Amino acid sequence: MSYKIDNHEINVCFPVDSISINKTSIAFTDKHGKNRQTFSKRTEALKFMKWLLNPNSK
């Protein structure tokens, strides 16, 4: 499944095993391994984290 933000697409292979957030960066582990995404704003990072927790809500 993918998440789109500012013409960028982040691919996530659910289920997500772990999530860690630090200011504007989110690290998560999915079926393909560890990933890290950095956002320009903290609010964007929080929106992505909420989507990771509940991908069907969009």
N, C-alpha and C. Protein backbone atom coordinates (compact mmCIF):
# COMPACT_ATOMS: atom_id res chain seq x y z
N MET A 1 0.85 -1.15 0.00
CA MET A 1 0.00 0.00 0.00
C MET A 1 0.90 1.22 0.00
N SER A 2 0.45 2.31 -0.57
CA SER A 2 1.31 3.48 -0.63
C SER A 2 0.62 4.72 -0.05
N TYR A 3 1.45 5.62 0.43
CA TYR A 3 1.01 6.88 1.02
C TYR A 3 1.60 7.98 0.16
N LYS A 4 0.77 8.93 -0.28
CA LYS A 4 1.25 10.00 -1.15
C LYS A 4 1.25 11.32 -0.40
N ILE A 5 2.37 12.05 -0.56
CA ILE A 5 2.50 13.37 0.04
C ILE A 5 3.43 14.21 -0.83
N ASP A 6 2.98 15.38 -1.20
CA ASP A 6 3.79 16.31 -2.00
C ASP A 6 4.46 15.65 -3.21
N ASN A 7 3.69 14.94 -4.00
CA ASN A 7 4.17 14.27 -5.21
C ASN A 7 5.19 13.17 -4.93
N HIS A 8 5.28 12.70 -3.70
CA HIS A 8 6.15 11.58 -3.34
C HIS A 8 5.27 10.43 -2.87
N GLU A 9 5.73 9.24 -3.15
CA GLU A 9 4.98 8.06 -2.76
C GLU A 9 5.83 7.20 -1.84
N ILE A 10 5.27 6.84 -0.69
CA ILE A 10 5.95 5.99 0.27
C ILE A 10 5.26 4.64 0.25
N ASN A 11 6.00 3.59 -0.09
CA ASN A 11 5.42 2.25 -0.15
C ASN A 11 5.63 1.53 1.19
N VAL A 12 4.53 0.95 1.67
CA VAL A 12 4.55 0.22 2.93
C VAL A 12 3.91 -1.14 2.71
N CYS A 13 4.58 -2.18 3.16
CA CYS A 13 4.05 -3.54 3.04
C CYS A 13 3.57 -3.98 4.42
N PHE A 14 2.26 -3.86 4.63
CA PHE A 14 1.67 -4.19 5.93
C PHE A 14 1.73 -5.68 6.19
N PRO A 15 1.79 -6.11 7.43
CA PRO A 15 1.63 -5.32 8.66
C PRO A 15 2.93 -4.63 9.07
N VAL A 16 2.77 -3.51 9.77
CA VAL A 16 3.91 -2.78 10.32
C VAL A 16 4.19 -3.31 11.71
N ASP A 17 5.43 -3.72 11.95
CA ASP A 17 5.80 -4.33 13.23
C ASP A 17 6.17 -3.32 14.30
N SER A 18 6.83 -2.23 13.89
CA SER A 18 7.23 -1.22 14.88
C SER A 18 7.27 0.15 14.23
N ILE A 19 7.05 1.19 15.04
CA ILE A 19 7.09 2.58 14.59
C ILE A 19 7.83 3.39 15.64
N SER A 20 8.71 4.26 15.17
CA SER A 20 9.42 5.17 16.06
C SER A 20 9.41 6.55 15.43
N ILE A 21 9.09 7.58 16.21
CA ILE A 21 9.03 8.94 15.67
C ILE A 21 9.95 9.85 16.47
N ASN A 22 10.64 10.75 15.75
CA ASN A 22 11.53 11.71 16.37
C ASN A 22 11.46 13.00 15.58
N LYS A 23 10.73 13.96 16.07
CA LYS A 23 10.50 15.27 15.42
C LYS A 23 9.92 15.08 14.03
N THR A 24 10.73 15.16 12.98
CA THR A 24 10.21 15.06 11.62
C THR A 24 10.56 13.75 10.92
N SER A 25 11.12 12.80 11.65
CA SER A 25 11.48 11.50 11.07
C SER A 25 10.67 10.38 11.68
N ILE A 26 10.32 9.43 10.83
CA ILE A 26 9.63 8.23 11.29
C ILE A 26 10.38 7.02 10.78
N ALA A 27 10.69 6.11 11.70
CA ALA A 27 11.29 4.83 11.33
C ALA A 27 10.24 3.77 11.59
N PHE A 28 10.12 2.84 10.66
CA PHE A 28 9.15 1.76 10.83
C PHE A 28 9.69 0.49 10.21
N THR A 29 9.19 -0.63 10.71
CA THR A 29 9.58 -1.94 10.20
C THR A 29 8.35 -2.61 9.64
N ASP A 30 8.43 -3.01 8.36
CA ASP A 30 7.32 -3.73 7.72
C ASP A 30 7.84 -5.07 7.20
N LYS A 31 7.09 -5.71 6.32
CA LYS A 31 7.50 -7.02 5.80
C LYS A 31 8.83 -6.98 5.05
N HIS A 32 9.17 -5.82 4.48
CA HIS A 32 10.41 -5.70 3.70
C HIS A 32 11.60 -5.23 4.52
N GLY A 33 11.38 -4.96 5.80
CA GLY A 33 12.49 -4.55 6.65
C GLY A 33 12.34 -3.16 7.21
N LYS A 34 13.46 -2.59 7.63
CA LYS A 34 13.46 -1.27 8.27
C LYS A 34 13.43 -0.16 7.22
N ASN A 35 12.66 0.88 7.51
CA ASN A 35 12.55 2.04 6.64
C ASN A 35 12.57 3.31 7.48
N ARG A 36 13.02 4.39 6.87
CA ARG A 36 13.03 5.68 7.56
C ARG A 36 12.59 6.75 6.58
N GLN A 37 11.66 7.58 7.02
CA GLN A 37 11.17 8.68 6.20
C GLN A 37 11.33 9.98 6.99
N THR A 38 11.79 11.03 6.30
CA THR A 38 11.93 12.33 6.92
C THR A 38 10.99 13.30 6.20
N PHE A 39 10.28 14.08 6.98
CA PHE A 39 9.30 15.01 6.45
C PHE A 39 9.74 16.44 6.73
N SER A 40 9.22 17.38 5.96
CA SER A 40 9.61 18.78 6.15
C SER A 40 8.93 19.40 7.37
N LYS A 41 7.78 18.86 7.77
CA LYS A 41 7.05 19.39 8.93
C LYS A 41 6.66 18.25 9.87
N ARG A 42 6.63 18.56 11.15
CA ARG A 42 6.23 17.56 12.14
C ARG A 42 4.79 17.11 11.91
N THR A 43 3.92 18.03 11.50
CA THR A 43 2.52 17.65 11.27
C THR A 43 2.39 16.61 10.16
N GLU A 44 3.24 16.69 9.13
CA GLU A 44 3.24 15.69 8.06
C GLU A 44 3.68 14.33 8.61
N ALA A 45 4.68 14.35 9.46
CA ALA A 45 5.16 13.10 10.07
C ALA A 45 4.07 12.46 10.93
N LEU A 46 3.34 13.28 11.68
CA LEU A 46 2.26 12.76 12.52
C LEU A 46 1.12 12.19 11.69
N LYS A 47 0.79 12.85 10.57
CA LYS A 47 -0.25 12.32 9.68
C LYS A 47 0.15 10.96 9.11
N PHE A 48 1.42 10.84 8.73
CA PHE A 48 1.91 9.56 8.21
C PHE A 48 1.86 8.49 9.29
N MET A 49 2.24 8.84 10.52
CA MET A 49 2.19 7.88 11.61
C MET A 49 0.76 7.40 11.85
N LYS A 50 -0.20 8.32 11.82
CA LYS A 50 -1.60 7.94 12.01
C LYS A 50 -2.05 7.00 10.89
N TRP A 51 -1.58 7.26 9.66
CA TRP A 51 -1.92 6.39 8.53
C TRP A 51 -1.31 5.00 8.73
N LEU A 52 -0.07 4.95 9.23
CA LEU A 52 0.55 3.65 9.50
C LEU A 52 -0.24 2.84 10.52
N LEU A 53 -0.79 3.54 11.51
CA LEU A 53 -1.55 2.86 12.55
C LEU A 53 -2.93 2.41 12.07
N ASN A 54 -3.51 3.13 11.09
CA ASN A 54 -4.83 2.81 10.59
C ASN A 54 -4.89 3.11 9.10
N PRO A 55 -4.31 2.24 8.23
CA PRO A 55 -4.19 2.53 6.80
C PRO A 55 -5.51 2.61 6.05
N ASN A 56 -6.58 2.07 6.58
CA ASN A 56 -7.86 2.07 5.88
C ASN A 56 -8.68 3.32 6.14
N SER A 57 -8.16 4.26 6.93
CA SER A 57 -8.93 5.44 7.31
C SER A 57 -8.89 6.55 6.27
N LYS A 58 -8.04 6.45 5.28
CA LYS A 58 -7.90 7.50 4.29
C LYS A 58 -8.99 7.41 3.31
